[in-house]
Each structure stands twice: as C-alpha cells, then as structure tokens.
Amino acid sequence: MKKPPYELTGPILKLIAAISEKLGAAKASFLDKPSPQLRKQNKIKTIHSSLRIEGNTLSEEQITAIVEHKRVVGPRKDVLEVLNAIKIYEDLSQFNPLSKQSFLSAHRILMDGLIEKPGQFRTANVGIMHGSKVAHLAPPAGNVDYLMSGLFKYLKQTDELALVKSCVFHYEMEFIHPFLDGNGRMGRLWQTLILMQEYPIFEYLPFETMISQTQEEYYDSLAKSDKAGHSTVFIEYMLKVIDRSLENLLESSNRALTTDGRLEYFLSERDSPFSRKDYLQAFKQLSTATASRDLREGVRLGLLEKSGDKRNTIYKKKG
C-alpha cells in the first residue's frame, strides 16, 4: 500500500509534542476517565457541533432533551439526524476503526432514513460545489471501493503516529467522498475512533466544537490540501484543533477533583480491599486529613464498607 502523500513539517512536529504533553496532563488529572455527567455533556457537544457543521438547526438544549427522551419540536430531518448520531455515540466501542465493514455499518446507522441506501458507497460521480463553482471533483464512483480499501490498508499497515494517521484518514476520506451524503460527519467520527484506539480520552473530547467554531478554516485547509496534492495543511489544521480542545479541557478542569469525583475514579479502578495509604497513593496531592474525609464520605454514601480501626482500617467497595 502506497502511503498517502504528506510532509511532517516543523509545526506538525511541535504540535505533536504539545498534544502529547497535554494528553499526559489529562491522564495525570484523571480526565481520561471523566464523570458520567461530563461524558454526557461532551457527547451532546460533539453531536451538536458535528451536525451543526452540516446545517442542523437544533440547539444543545434541544439535543439534551432528545438524549433524555423528551419531546422536541423541530424539523423532522434535524431530529432524525440527532437520533441517529445518539445511536452511534452511545457506544462508540462497537465500531472497529480498522474495518471497512464497520465503517459502512456506522454510515448506515448515521444516515438511516436520511438518504437512499445508507451504508453503501456511491455509484454516481459527484462534484462538491462552493457557490456556483465546483470546488472539488471526487474520484469516479468505480474507483471508490478500491480507494477506500487502500485507505484501510494504510491504517492497518503503517507505523505512523495515531495523531497523524487519523488526520490523514480524515482528509483522504473527504477527498474520495465515498458517499452521496454524510461524508463530513463520517470523517470526523472516524478520526475520533482512530484516536480512541490509542487515547481513550478522545471518546470524551468534543474537538468537533472547535471545528464548528473555525468552520471556514476547516474547509479552507481541505481546499488547500486538494490544491497542493497532499494533506499537510489539513494535518496542521486538525492538530491545532486537537491541541486547543485539550487545552480547553485542562483549563476548565484545572481544579482539584471533588470528593465524589475522587471516589468515583478510585472505585472504578479498584475492586480489592484497600487502606487509606492505598487511597493516598492514587492521589498523592491529598493530605491525610482530606483522604480520611473522602473515605468517611464514601462510607456515609454507602459506597464503602469499613472494618478495623485507626491505622488498621480497611475499606471495601460495597455491592
């Protein structure tokens, strides 16, 4: 498989270093396993931003209502787009980012009821219009399956960094334009899945929000990459988006976890009985007094069972 063309420029290498540092900081701050409430909020932001780029008119509040199974008044198509996206984002782990069949299955769910024959590659030639001009003439329909098969081989065979590989896939998929509709949302979804395979935090990082806020730059980077014949400009753009999104996440969470947050994180990682010393090992920044208060609160809330006394006290997860 010939590797898709791009260059690892100085700005790209600097962005990879910056992102790697922020990913480490996120893990150290326990943001790689956010609370259920934060997961829900980020999922809603992701759905809202990705669909907004495609012209969906529903607000975050309306999407939240749909997630909570409440009635919403809005265009039928927009509501259906959200319902389909919820099915996808409810369980992203069901999809294999290295599988073409899984890719088609995701498109089938995402575009169900919105187009004819969802989950199938296009059989007609297409051009992408900007105003009255053809901005991009996609490869002939007869080449789509071959080109997409090659792109999935690239995902499987290359030793390239996931950060770069995900951007390359996103761009090349947009260039091939394998579907009559839904290409943009599939490109963003699949980049998330590729990144999730190595960095689970990307399941909860709504970088689509940043794309939505810089939508003109998003399309401009695609056009410039088309003109250059390689994806370098688009890689730089997407890595900037990821870097800013991680920075926003760290800034908004740049505070100590609450007692509930610490307990939730710790108990999600540990099933065996433990002592206060074990708890302090997980949260080295805590004082012994704060650790004791956390554990007393865990007992009060019915999350923990306590046995022993003073330094010999042992805690066990309840239930």
C-alpha atoms as a PDB file:
ATOM      1  CA  MET A   1       0.000   0.000   0.000  1.00  0.00           C
ATOM      2  CA  LYS A   2       1.480   3.353  -1.056  1.00  0.00           C
ATOM      3  CA  LYS A   3       1.363   5.823   1.829  1.00  0.00           C
ATOM      4  CA  PRO A   4      -0.866   8.861   1.151  1.00  0.00           C
ATOM      5  CA  PRO A   5       1.287  11.943   0.487  1.00  0.00           C
ATOM      6  CA  TYR A   6       2.042  14.449   3.257  1.00  0.00           C
ATOM      7  CA  GLU A   7       5.036  16.047   4.965  1.00  0.00           C
ATOM      8  CA  LEU A   8       5.947  16.088   8.657  1.00  0.00           C
ATOM      9  CA  THR A   9       6.718  19.794   8.934  1.00  0.00           C
ATOM     10  CA  GLY A  10       8.221  21.653  11.900  1.00  0.00           C
ATOM     11  CA  PRO A  11       4.808  22.991  13.002  1.00  0.00           C
ATOM     12  CA  ILE A  12       3.345  19.469  12.847  1.00  0.00           C
ATOM     13  CA  LEU A  13       6.156  18.030  14.990  1.00  0.00           C
ATOM     14  CA  LYS A  14       5.756  20.859  17.535  1.00  0.00           C
ATOM     15  CA  LEU A  15       2.007  20.263  17.696  1.00  0.00           C
ATOM     16  CA  ILE A  16       2.512  16.519  18.221  1.00  0.00           C
ATOM     17  CA  ALA A  17       4.859  17.291  21.149  1.00  0.00           C
ATOM     18  CA  ALA A  18       2.380  19.795  22.643  1.00  0.00           C
ATOM     19  CA  ILE A  19      -0.551  17.390  22.296  1.00  0.00           C
ATOM     20  CA  SER A  20       1.426  14.511  23.816  1.00  0.00           C
ATOM     21  CA  GLU A  21       2.247  16.694  26.821  1.00  0.00           C
ATOM     22  CA  LYS A  22      -1.397  17.675  27.266  1.00  0.00           C
ATOM     23  CA  LEU A  23      -2.527  14.045  26.950  1.00  0.00           C
ATOM     24  CA  GLY A  24      -0.129  13.186  29.780  1.00  0.00           C
ATOM     25  CA  ALA A  25      -1.505  16.056  31.872  1.00  0.00           C
ATOM     26  CA  ALA A  26      -5.075  14.912  31.213  1.00  0.00           C
ATOM     27  CA  LYS A  27      -4.239  11.399  32.356  1.00  0.00           C
ATOM     28  CA  ALA A  28      -2.484  12.711  35.472  1.00  0.00           C
ATOM     29  CA  SER A  29      -5.594  14.770  36.269  1.00  0.00           C
ATOM     30  CA  PHE A  30      -7.844  11.691  35.829  1.00  0.00           C
ATOM     31  CA  LEU A  31      -9.550  13.351  32.862  1.00  0.00           C
ATOM     32  CA  ASP A  32      -9.024  10.223  30.770  1.00  0.00           C
ATOM     33  CA  LYS A  33     -11.956   8.764  32.740  1.00  0.00           C
ATOM     34  CA  PRO A  34     -14.345  11.677  33.281  1.00  0.00           C
ATOM     35  CA  SER A  35     -17.506  11.521  35.339  1.00  0.00           C
ATOM     36  CA  PRO A  36     -20.714  10.229  33.730  1.00  0.00           C
ATOM     37  CA  GLN A  37     -22.098  13.793  33.743  1.00  0.00           C
ATOM     38  CA  LEU A  38     -19.036  15.145  31.881  1.00  0.00           C
ATOM     39  CA  ARG A  39     -19.235  12.265  29.406  1.00  0.00           C
ATOM     40  CA  LYS A  40     -22.880  13.095  28.731  1.00  0.00           C
ATOM     41  CA  GLN A  41     -22.145  16.805  28.275  1.00  0.00           C
ATOM     42  CA  ASN A  42     -19.269  16.120  25.901  1.00  0.00           C
ATOM     43  CA  LYS A  43     -21.328  13.654  23.878  1.00  0.00           C
ATOM     44  CA  ILE A  44     -24.037  16.296  23.445  1.00  0.00           C
ATOM     45  CA  LYS A  45     -21.436  18.925  22.436  1.00  0.00           C
ATOM     46  CA  THR A  46     -19.937  16.507  19.895  1.00  0.00           C
ATOM     47  CA  ILE A  47     -23.307  15.679  18.319  1.00  0.00           C
ATOM     48  CA  HIS A  48     -24.388  19.319  18.275  1.00  0.00           C
ATOM     49  CA  SER A  49     -21.146  20.595  16.720  1.00  0.00           C
ATOM     50  CA  SER A  50     -20.720  17.852  14.123  1.00  0.00           C
ATOM     51  CA  LEU A  51     -24.323  18.181  12.907  1.00  0.00           C
ATOM     52  CA  ARG A  52     -24.274  21.967  13.061  1.00  0.00           C
ATOM     53  CA  ILE A  53     -21.409  21.945  10.535  1.00  0.00           C
ATOM     54  CA  GLU A  54     -23.782  20.049   8.236  1.00  0.00           C
ATOM     55  CA  GLY A  55     -26.595  22.590   8.703  1.00  0.00           C
ATOM     56  CA  ASN A  56     -28.574  21.040  11.569  1.00  0.00           C
ATOM     57  CA  THR A  57     -30.577  23.762  13.366  1.00  0.00           C
ATOM     58  CA  LEU A  58     -31.220  22.096  16.748  1.00  0.00           C
ATOM     59  CA  SER A  59     -29.642  23.687  19.828  1.00  0.00           C
ATOM     60  CA  GLU A  60     -27.615  21.946  22.542  1.00  0.00           C
ATOM     61  CA  GLU A  61     -30.656  22.261  24.821  1.00  0.00           C
ATOM     62  CA  GLN A  62     -32.869  20.507  22.274  1.00  0.00           C
ATOM     63  CA  ILE A  63     -30.306  17.748  21.761  1.00  0.00           C
ATOM     64  CA  THR A  64     -30.053  17.331  25.540  1.00  0.00           C
ATOM     65  CA  ALA A  65     -33.839  16.907  25.647  1.00  0.00           C
ATOM     66  CA  ILE A  66     -33.694  14.239  22.934  1.00  0.00           C
ATOM     67  CA  VAL A  67     -30.922  12.392  24.809  1.00  0.00           C
ATOM     68  CA  GLU A  68     -33.186  12.459  27.870  1.00  0.00           C
ATOM     69  CA  HIS A  69     -36.085  11.057  25.779  1.00  0.00           C
ATOM     70  CA  LYS A  70     -38.106  14.273  25.959  1.00  0.00           C
ATOM     71  CA  ARG A  71     -40.299  15.606  23.182  1.00  0.00           C
ATOM     72  CA  VAL A  72     -38.702  18.239  20.930  1.00  0.00           C
ATOM     73  CA  VAL A  73     -40.315  20.396  18.262  1.00  0.00           C
ATOM     74  CA  GLY A  74     -38.060  20.837  15.242  1.00  0.00           C
ATOM     75  CA  PRO A  75     -37.557  19.853  11.602  1.00  0.00           C
ATOM     76  CA  ARG A  76     -38.061  16.100  11.201  1.00  0.00           C
ATOM     77  CA  LYS A  77     -34.761  15.699   9.339  1.00  0.00           C
ATOM     78  CA  ASP A  78     -32.818  17.507  12.072  1.00  0.00           C
ATOM     79  CA  VAL A  79     -34.390  15.418  14.834  1.00  0.00           C
ATOM     80  CA  LEU A  80     -33.678  12.200  12.908  1.00  0.00           C
ATOM     81  CA  GLU A  81     -30.037  13.239  12.393  1.00  0.00           C
ATOM     82  CA  VAL A  82     -29.681  13.660  16.152  1.00  0.00           C
ATOM     83  CA  LEU A  83     -31.403  10.345  16.959  1.00  0.00           C
ATOM     84  CA  ASN A  84     -29.087   8.543  14.524  1.00  0.00           C
ATOM     85  CA  ALA A  85     -26.000  10.237  15.957  1.00  0.00           C
ATOM     86  CA  ILE A  86     -27.036   9.278  19.501  1.00  0.00           C
ATOM     87  CA  LYS A  87     -27.152   5.608  18.424  1.00  0.00           C
ATOM     88  CA  ILE A  88     -23.567   5.945  17.207  1.00  0.00           C
ATOM     89  CA  TYR A  89     -22.127   7.884  20.134  1.00  0.00           C
ATOM     90  CA  GLU A  90     -23.913   5.847  22.825  1.00  0.00           C
ATOM     91  CA  ASP A  91     -21.432   3.025  22.232  1.00  0.00           C
ATOM     92  CA  LEU A  92     -18.502   4.018  20.042  1.00  0.00           C
ATOM     93  CA  SER A  93     -16.580   0.903  21.082  1.00  0.00           C
ATOM     94  CA  GLN A  94     -18.889  -1.239  18.910  1.00  0.00           C
ATOM     95  CA  PHE A  95     -17.034   0.051  15.826  1.00  0.00           C
ATOM     96  CA  ASN A  96     -13.613  -1.114  14.649  1.00  0.00           C
ATOM     97  CA  PRO A  97     -11.658   1.836  13.187  1.00  0.00           C
ATOM     98  CA  LEU A  98      -9.586  -0.544  11.047  1.00  0.00           C
ATOM     99  CA  SER A  99     -12.580  -2.231   9.389  1.00  0.00           C
ATOM    100  CA  LYS A 100     -14.185  -1.069   6.153  1.00  0.00           C
ATOM    101  CA  GLN A 101     -17.311  -3.076   7.008  1.00  0.00           C
ATOM    102  CA  SER A 102     -17.563  -1.347  10.383  1.00  0.00           C
ATOM    103  CA  PHE A 103     -17.177   1.991   8.569  1.00  0.00           C
ATOM    104  CA  LEU A 104     -20.099   1.130   6.287  1.00  0.00           C
ATOM    105  CA  SER A 105     -22.153  -0.054   9.258  1.00  0.00           C
ATOM    106  CA  ALA A 106     -21.609   3.275  11.031  1.00  0.00           C
ATOM    107  CA  HIS A 107     -22.715   5.187   7.933  1.00  0.00           C
ATOM    108  CA  ARG A 108     -25.835   3.016   7.707  1.00  0.00           C
ATOM    109  CA  ILE A 109     -26.811   3.978  11.267  1.00  0.00           C
ATOM    110  CA  LEU A 110     -25.819   7.628  10.901  1.00  0.00           C
ATOM    111  CA  MET A 111     -27.746   8.194   7.676  1.00  0.00           C
ATOM    112  CA  ASP A 112     -30.674   5.816   8.196  1.00  0.00           C
ATOM    113  CA  GLY A 113     -33.873   7.410   6.886  1.00  0.00           C
ATOM    114  CA  LEU A 114     -31.960  10.417   5.531  1.00  0.00           C
ATOM    115  CA  ILE A 115     -30.720   9.059   2.185  1.00  0.00           C
ATOM    116  CA  GLU A 116     -31.396   6.089  -0.050  1.00  0.00           C
ATOM    117  CA  LYS A 117     -29.172   3.060   0.532  1.00  0.00           C
ATOM    118  CA  PRO A 118     -27.217   4.258   3.587  1.00  0.00           C
ATOM    119  CA  GLY A 119     -24.114   2.216   4.328  1.00  0.00           C
ATOM    120  CA  GLN A 120     -23.259   1.791   0.646  1.00  0.00           C
ATOM    121  CA  PHE A 121     -20.591   3.544  -1.394  1.00  0.00           C
ATOM    122  CA  ARG A 122     -21.874   5.906  -4.070  1.00  0.00           C
ATOM    123  CA  THR A 123     -22.460   4.619  -7.584  1.00  0.00           C
ATOM    124  CA  ALA A 124     -22.604   8.071  -9.215  1.00  0.00           C
ATOM    125  CA  ASN A 125     -19.887  10.621  -9.877  1.00  0.00           C
ATOM    126  CA  VAL A 126     -20.019  13.759  -7.703  1.00  0.00           C
ATOM    127  CA  GLY A 127     -18.583  17.242  -7.538  1.00  0.00           C
ATOM    128  CA  ILE A 128     -18.612  19.457  -4.446  1.00  0.00           C
ATOM    129  CA  MET A 129     -19.922  22.950  -5.109  1.00  0.00           C
ATOM    130  CA  HIS A 130     -18.994  26.171  -3.347  1.00  0.00           C
ATOM    131  CA  GLY A 131     -21.439  28.732  -4.624  1.00  0.00           C
ATOM    132  CA  SER A 132     -21.631  28.332  -8.398  1.00  0.00           C
ATOM    133  CA  LYS A 133     -18.151  26.792  -8.710  1.00  0.00           C
ATOM    134  CA  VAL A 134     -17.026  23.169  -8.490  1.00  0.00           C
ATOM    135  CA  ALA A 135     -14.645  23.185  -5.509  1.00  0.00           C
ATOM    136  CA  HIS A 136     -13.729  19.514  -5.715  1.00  0.00           C
ATOM    137  CA  LEU A 137     -14.332  16.798  -8.280  1.00  0.00           C
ATOM    138  CA  ALA A 138     -14.303  13.497  -6.430  1.00  0.00           C
ATOM    139  CA  PRO A 139     -12.725  10.357  -7.960  1.00  0.00           C
ATOM    140  CA  PRO A 140     -15.005   8.317 -10.269  1.00  0.00           C
ATOM    141  CA  ALA A 141     -17.569   6.148  -8.488  1.00  0.00           C
ATOM    142  CA  GLY A 142     -15.996   2.999  -9.919  1.00  0.00           C
ATOM    143  CA  ASN A 143     -12.778   3.736  -8.006  1.00  0.00           C
ATOM    144  CA  VAL A 144     -14.323   4.360  -4.594  1.00  0.00           C
ATOM    145  CA  ASP A 145     -14.242   0.815  -3.180  1.00  0.00           C
ATOM    146  CA  TYR A 146     -10.659   0.294  -4.340  1.00  0.00           C
ATOM    147  CA  LEU A 147      -9.519   3.637  -2.881  1.00  0.00           C
ATOM    148  CA  MET A 148     -11.267   3.081   0.460  1.00  0.00           C
ATOM    149  CA  SER A 149      -9.836  -0.444   0.704  1.00  0.00           C
ATOM    150  CA  GLY A 150      -6.387   1.055   0.183  1.00  0.00           C
ATOM    151  CA  LEU A 151      -7.030   3.662   2.857  1.00  0.00           C
ATOM    152  CA  PHE A 152      -7.956   0.983   5.397  1.00  0.00           C
ATOM    153  CA  LYS A 153      -4.832  -0.958   4.453  1.00  0.00           C
ATOM    154  CA  TYR A 154      -2.859   2.190   5.251  1.00  0.00           C
ATOM    155  CA  LEU A 155      -4.484   2.336   8.703  1.00  0.00           C
ATOM    156  CA  LYS A 156      -3.526  -1.276   9.376  1.00  0.00           C
ATOM    157  CA  GLN A 157      -0.025  -1.385   7.914  1.00  0.00           C
ATOM    158  CA  THR A 158       1.637   1.918   8.728  1.00  0.00           C
ATOM    159  CA  ASP A 159       3.681   2.597  11.838  1.00  0.00           C
ATOM    160  CA  GLU A 160       2.768   6.281  11.672  1.00  0.00           C
ATOM    161  CA  LEU A 161       1.614   8.032  14.858  1.00  0.00           C
ATOM    162  CA  ALA A 162      -2.125   7.765  15.504  1.00  0.00           C
ATOM    163  CA  LEU A 163      -2.333  11.564  15.738  1.00  0.00           C
ATOM    164  CA  VAL A 164      -1.040  11.910  12.165  1.00  0.00           C
ATOM    165  CA  LYS A 165      -2.732   8.812  10.814  1.00  0.00           C
ATOM    166  CA  SER A 166      -6.159   9.976  11.994  1.00  0.00           C
ATOM    167  CA  CYS A 167      -5.737  13.325  10.196  1.00  0.00           C
ATOM    168  CA  VAL A 168      -4.539  11.635   7.003  1.00  0.00           C
ATOM    169  CA  PHE A 169      -7.537   9.288   7.012  1.00  0.00           C
ATOM    170  CA  HIS A 170      -9.926  12.190   7.616  1.00  0.00           C
ATOM    171  CA  TYR A 171      -8.527  14.172   4.695  1.00  0.00           C
ATOM    172  CA  GLU A 172      -8.208  11.255   2.263  1.00  0.00           C
ATOM    173  CA  MET A 173     -11.745  10.070   3.032  1.00  0.00           C
ATOM    174  CA  GLU A 174     -13.086  13.563   2.360  1.00  0.00           C
ATOM    175  CA  PHE A 175     -11.117  13.640  -0.900  1.00  0.00           C
ATOM    176  CA  ILE A 176     -12.516  10.267  -2.035  1.00  0.00           C
ATOM    177  CA  HIS A 177     -16.010  11.362  -0.934  1.00  0.00           C
ATOM    178  CA  PRO A 178     -17.241   7.755  -0.774  1.00  0.00           C
ATOM    179  CA  PHE A 179     -20.898   8.531  -0.024  1.00  0.00           C
ATOM    180  CA  LEU A 180     -23.512  10.722  -1.646  1.00  0.00           C
ATOM    181  CA  ASP A 181     -24.083  12.360   1.754  1.00  0.00           C
ATOM    182  CA  GLY A 182     -22.697  12.109   5.286  1.00  0.00           C
ATOM    183  CA  ASN A 183     -19.008  12.288   4.342  1.00  0.00           C
ATOM    184  CA  GLY A 184     -18.155  15.167   6.674  1.00  0.00           C
ATOM    185  CA  ARG A 185     -19.689  13.644   9.789  1.00  0.00           C
ATOM    186  CA  MET A 186     -18.155  10.246   8.932  1.00  0.00           C
ATOM    187  CA  GLY A 187     -14.689  11.805   8.539  1.00  0.00           C
ATOM    188  CA  ARG A 188     -14.905  13.437  11.965  1.00  0.00           C
ATOM    189  CA  LEU A 189     -16.405  10.326  13.589  1.00  0.00           C
ATOM    190  CA  TRP A 190     -13.734   8.031  12.174  1.00  0.00           C
ATOM    191  CA  GLN A 191     -10.897  10.315  13.229  1.00  0.00           C
ATOM    192  CA  THR A 192     -12.288  10.115  16.764  1.00  0.00           C
ATOM    193  CA  LEU A 193     -12.376   6.304  16.608  1.00  0.00           C
ATOM    194  CA  ILE A 194      -8.804   6.053  15.302  1.00  0.00           C
ATOM    195  CA  LEU A 195      -7.586   8.296  18.130  1.00  0.00           C
ATOM    196  CA  MET A 196      -9.677   6.468  20.757  1.00  0.00           C
ATOM    197  CA  GLN A 197      -7.871   3.231  19.955  1.00  0.00           C
ATOM    198  CA  GLU A 198      -4.681   4.695  21.425  1.00  0.00           C
ATOM    199  CA  TYR A 199      -6.014   7.507  23.619  1.00  0.00           C
ATOM    200  CA  PRO A 200      -9.394   6.669  25.260  1.00  0.00           C
ATOM    201  CA  ILE A 201      -9.858  10.320  26.283  1.00  0.00           C
ATOM    202  CA  PHE A 202     -10.894  11.143  22.703  1.00  0.00           C
ATOM    203  CA  GLU A 203     -14.237   9.457  23.320  1.00  0.00           C
ATOM    204  CA  TYR A 204     -14.987  12.367  25.641  1.00  0.00           C
ATOM    205  CA  LEU A 205     -13.116  15.205  23.881  1.00  0.00           C
ATOM    206  CA  PRO A 206     -15.540  17.144  21.653  1.00  0.00           C
ATOM    207  CA  PHE A 207     -12.989  18.579  19.206  1.00  0.00           C
ATOM    208  CA  GLU A 208     -15.858  18.945  16.713  1.00  0.00           C
ATOM    209  CA  THR A 209     -16.801  22.031  18.763  1.00  0.00           C
ATOM    210  CA  MET A 210     -13.537  23.695  17.748  1.00  0.00           C
ATOM    211  CA  ILE A 211     -14.065  22.670  14.105  1.00  0.00           C
ATOM    212  CA  SER A 212     -17.547  24.197  14.237  1.00  0.00           C
ATOM    213  CA  GLN A 213     -16.073  27.445  15.595  1.00  0.00           C
ATOM    214  CA  THR A 214     -13.426  27.542  12.830  1.00  0.00           C
ATOM    215  CA  GLN A 215     -15.562  26.084  10.064  1.00  0.00           C
ATOM    216  CA  GLU A 216     -14.199  28.374   7.340  1.00  0.00           C
ATOM    217  CA  GLU A 217     -10.636  27.368   8.216  1.00  0.00           C
ATOM    218  CA  TYR A 218     -11.687  23.699   8.170  1.00  0.00           C
ATOM    219  CA  TYR A 219     -12.940  23.898   4.589  1.00  0.00           C
ATOM    220  CA  ASP A 220     -10.037  26.154   3.590  1.00  0.00           C
ATOM    221  CA  SER A 221      -7.499  23.588   4.829  1.00  0.00           C
ATOM    222  CA  LEU A 222      -9.261  20.865   2.821  1.00  0.00           C
ATOM    223  CA  ALA A 223      -9.182  23.058  -0.312  1.00  0.00           C
ATOM    224  CA  LYS A 224      -5.506  23.985   0.138  1.00  0.00           C
ATOM    225  CA  SER A 225      -4.579  20.328   0.605  1.00  0.00           C
ATOM    226  CA  ASP A 226      -6.516  19.449  -2.559  1.00  0.00           C
ATOM    227  CA  LYS A 227      -4.593  22.105  -4.464  1.00  0.00           C
ATOM    228  CA  ALA A 228      -1.227  21.007  -3.042  1.00  0.00           C
ATOM    229  CA  GLY A 229      -1.895  17.319  -3.741  1.00  0.00           C
ATOM    230  CA  HIS A 230      -1.125  16.253  -0.166  1.00  0.00           C
ATOM    231  CA  SER A 231      -2.742  16.540   3.260  1.00  0.00           C
ATOM    232  CA  THR A 232      -0.032  18.541   5.079  1.00  0.00           C
ATOM    233  CA  VAL A 233      -2.099  21.724   5.510  1.00  0.00           C
ATOM    234  CA  PHE A 234      -5.098  19.749   6.770  1.00  0.00           C
ATOM    235  CA  ILE A 235      -2.919  17.800   9.253  1.00  0.00           C
ATOM    236  CA  GLU A 236      -1.605  21.078  10.675  1.00  0.00           C
ATOM    237  CA  TYR A 237      -5.142  22.450  10.984  1.00  0.00           C
ATOM    238  CA  MET A 238      -6.551  19.339  12.700  1.00  0.00           C
ATOM    239  CA  LEU A 239      -3.630  19.068  15.136  1.00  0.00           C
ATOM    240  CA  LYS A 240      -4.206  22.716  16.106  1.00  0.00           C
ATOM    241  CA  VAL A 241      -7.871  21.852  16.728  1.00  0.00           C
ATOM    242  CA  ILE A 242      -6.940  18.864  18.906  1.00  0.00           C
ATOM    243  CA  ASP A 243      -4.329  20.896  20.798  1.00  0.00           C
ATOM    244  CA  ARG A 244      -6.796  23.731  21.526  1.00  0.00           C
ATOM    245  CA  SER A 245      -9.515  21.272  22.544  1.00  0.00           C
ATOM    246  CA  LEU A 246      -7.199  19.571  25.044  1.00  0.00           C
ATOM    247  CA  GLU A 247      -6.096  22.963  26.349  1.00  0.00           C
ATOM    248  CA  ASN A 248      -9.739  23.966  26.906  1.00  0.00           C
ATOM    249  CA  LEU A 249     -10.420  20.675  28.686  1.00  0.00           C
ATOM    250  CA  LEU A 250      -7.449  21.147  31.003  1.00  0.00           C
ATOM    251  CA  GLU A 251      -8.322  24.784  31.703  1.00  0.00           C
ATOM    252  CA  SER A 252     -11.954  24.015  32.512  1.00  0.00           C
ATOM    253  CA  SER A 253     -10.861  21.175  34.788  1.00  0.00           C
ATOM    254  CA  ASN A 254      -7.882  22.961  36.331  1.00  0.00           C
ATOM    255  CA  ARG A 255      -9.168  22.427  39.823  1.00  0.00           C
ATOM    256  CA  ALA A 256      -8.935  19.645  42.347  1.00  0.00           C
ATOM    257  CA  LEU A 257     -11.395  16.835  41.894  1.00  0.00           C
ATOM    258  CA  THR A 258     -14.293  16.857  44.309  1.00  0.00           C
ATOM    259  CA  THR A 259     -14.648  14.137  46.898  1.00  0.00           C
ATOM    260  CA  ASP A 260     -17.300  12.451  44.750  1.00  0.00           C
ATOM    261  CA  GLY A 261     -15.041  12.644  41.704  1.00  0.00           C
ATOM    262  CA  ARG A 262     -12.070  11.143  43.526  1.00  0.00           C
ATOM    263  CA  LEU A 263     -14.142   8.324  44.970  1.00  0.00           C
ATOM    264  CA  GLU A 264     -15.763   7.571  41.620  1.00  0.00           C
ATOM    265  CA  TYR A 265     -12.406   7.437  39.860  1.00  0.00           C
ATOM    266  CA  PHE A 266     -10.714   5.335  42.555  1.00  0.00           C
ATOM    267  CA  LEU A 267     -13.544   2.814  42.833  1.00  0.00           C
ATOM    268  CA  SER A 268     -13.709   2.417  39.055  1.00  0.00           C
ATOM    269  CA  GLU A 269     -10.069   1.293  39.175  1.00  0.00           C
ATOM    270  CA  ARG A 270     -10.086  -0.895  42.303  1.00  0.00           C
ATOM    271  CA  ASP A 271     -12.195  -3.859  43.377  1.00  0.00           C
ATOM    272  CA  SER A 272      -9.995  -5.294  46.138  1.00  0.00           C
ATOM    273  CA  PRO A 273      -9.995  -4.048  49.775  1.00  0.00           C
ATOM    274  CA  PHE A 274      -7.700  -1.083  50.448  1.00  0.00           C
ATOM    275  CA  SER A 275      -6.347   1.175  53.165  1.00  0.00           C
ATOM    276  CA  ARG A 276      -6.103   4.950  53.489  1.00  0.00           C
ATOM    277  CA  LYS A 277      -2.459   4.598  52.415  1.00  0.00           C
ATOM    278  CA  ASP A 278      -3.579   2.919  49.167  1.00  0.00           C
ATOM    279  CA  TYR A 279      -6.013   5.774  48.563  1.00  0.00           C
ATOM    280  CA  LEU A 280      -3.240   8.339  49.126  1.00  0.00           C
ATOM    281  CA  GLN A 281      -1.053   6.522  46.604  1.00  0.00           C
ATOM    282  CA  ALA A 282      -3.664   7.245  43.946  1.00  0.00           C
ATOM    283  CA  PHE A 283      -3.983  10.918  44.947  1.00  0.00           C
ATOM    284  CA  LYS A 284      -0.506  11.981  46.007  1.00  0.00           C
ATOM    285  CA  GLN A 285      -1.513  15.649  46.266  1.00  0.00           C
ATOM    286  CA  LEU A 286      -4.011  14.938  49.079  1.00  0.00           C
ATOM    287  CA  SER A 287      -3.354  15.421  52.772  1.00  0.00           C
ATOM    288  CA  THR A 288      -4.084  12.507  55.102  1.00  0.00           C
ATOM    289  CA  ALA A 289      -6.920  14.539  56.642  1.00  0.00           C
ATOM    290  CA  THR A 290      -8.598  15.042  53.237  1.00  0.00           C
ATOM    291  CA  ALA A 291      -8.155  11.353  52.382  1.00  0.00           C
ATOM    292  CA  SER A 292      -9.814  10.416  55.683  1.00  0.00           C
ATOM    293  CA  ARG A 293     -12.719  12.786  54.976  1.00  0.00           C
ATOM    294  CA  ASP A 294     -13.135  11.265  51.487  1.00  0.00           C
ATOM    295  CA  LEU A 295     -13.286   7.756  52.907  1.00  0.00           C
ATOM    296  CA  ARG A 296     -15.734   8.736  55.668  1.00  0.00           C
ATOM    297  CA  GLU A 297     -17.939  10.290  52.974  1.00  0.00           C
ATOM    298  CA  GLY A 298     -17.691   7.080  50.933  1.00  0.00           C
ATOM    299  CA  VAL A 299     -18.953   5.121  53.928  1.00  0.00           C
ATOM    300  CA  ARG A 300     -21.725   7.660  54.586  1.00  0.00           C
ATOM    301  CA  LEU A 301     -22.884   7.479  50.964  1.00  0.00           C
ATOM    302  CA  GLY A 302     -22.985   3.694  51.077  1.00  0.00           C
ATOM    303  CA  LEU A 303     -20.177   3.301  48.553  1.00  0.00           C
ATOM    304  CA  LEU A 304     -17.750   1.710  51.024  1.00  0.00           C
ATOM    305  CA  GLU A 305     -17.777  -0.799  53.873  1.00  0.00           C
ATOM    306  CA  LYS A 306     -15.333  -0.164  56.725  1.00  0.00           C
ATOM    307  CA  SER A 307     -13.637  -2.673  59.032  1.00  0.00           C
ATOM    308  CA  GLY A 308     -10.834  -2.366  61.593  1.00  0.00           C
ATOM    309  CA  ASP A 309      -9.783   0.727  63.477  1.00  0.00           C
ATOM    310  CA  LYS A 310      -7.439   3.703  63.080  1.00  0.00           C
ATOM    311  CA  ARG A 311      -4.336   2.815  61.021  1.00  0.00           C
ATOM    312  CA  ASN A 312      -5.573  -0.743  60.551  1.00  0.00           C
ATOM    313  CA  THR A 313      -8.843   0.364  58.955  1.00  0.00           C
ATOM    314  CA  ILE A 314      -9.647  -1.430  55.703  1.00  0.00           C
ATOM    315  CA  TYR A 315     -12.247  -0.302  53.152  1.00  0.00           C
ATOM    316  CA  LYS A 316     -14.097  -2.424  50.635  1.00  0.00           C
ATOM    317  CA  LYS A 317     -16.294  -1.381  47.729  1.00  0.00           C
ATOM    318  CA  LYS A 318     -19.927  -2.050  48.566  1.00  0.00           C
ATOM    319  CA  GLY A 319     -22.141  -4.073  46.255  1.00  0.00           C
END
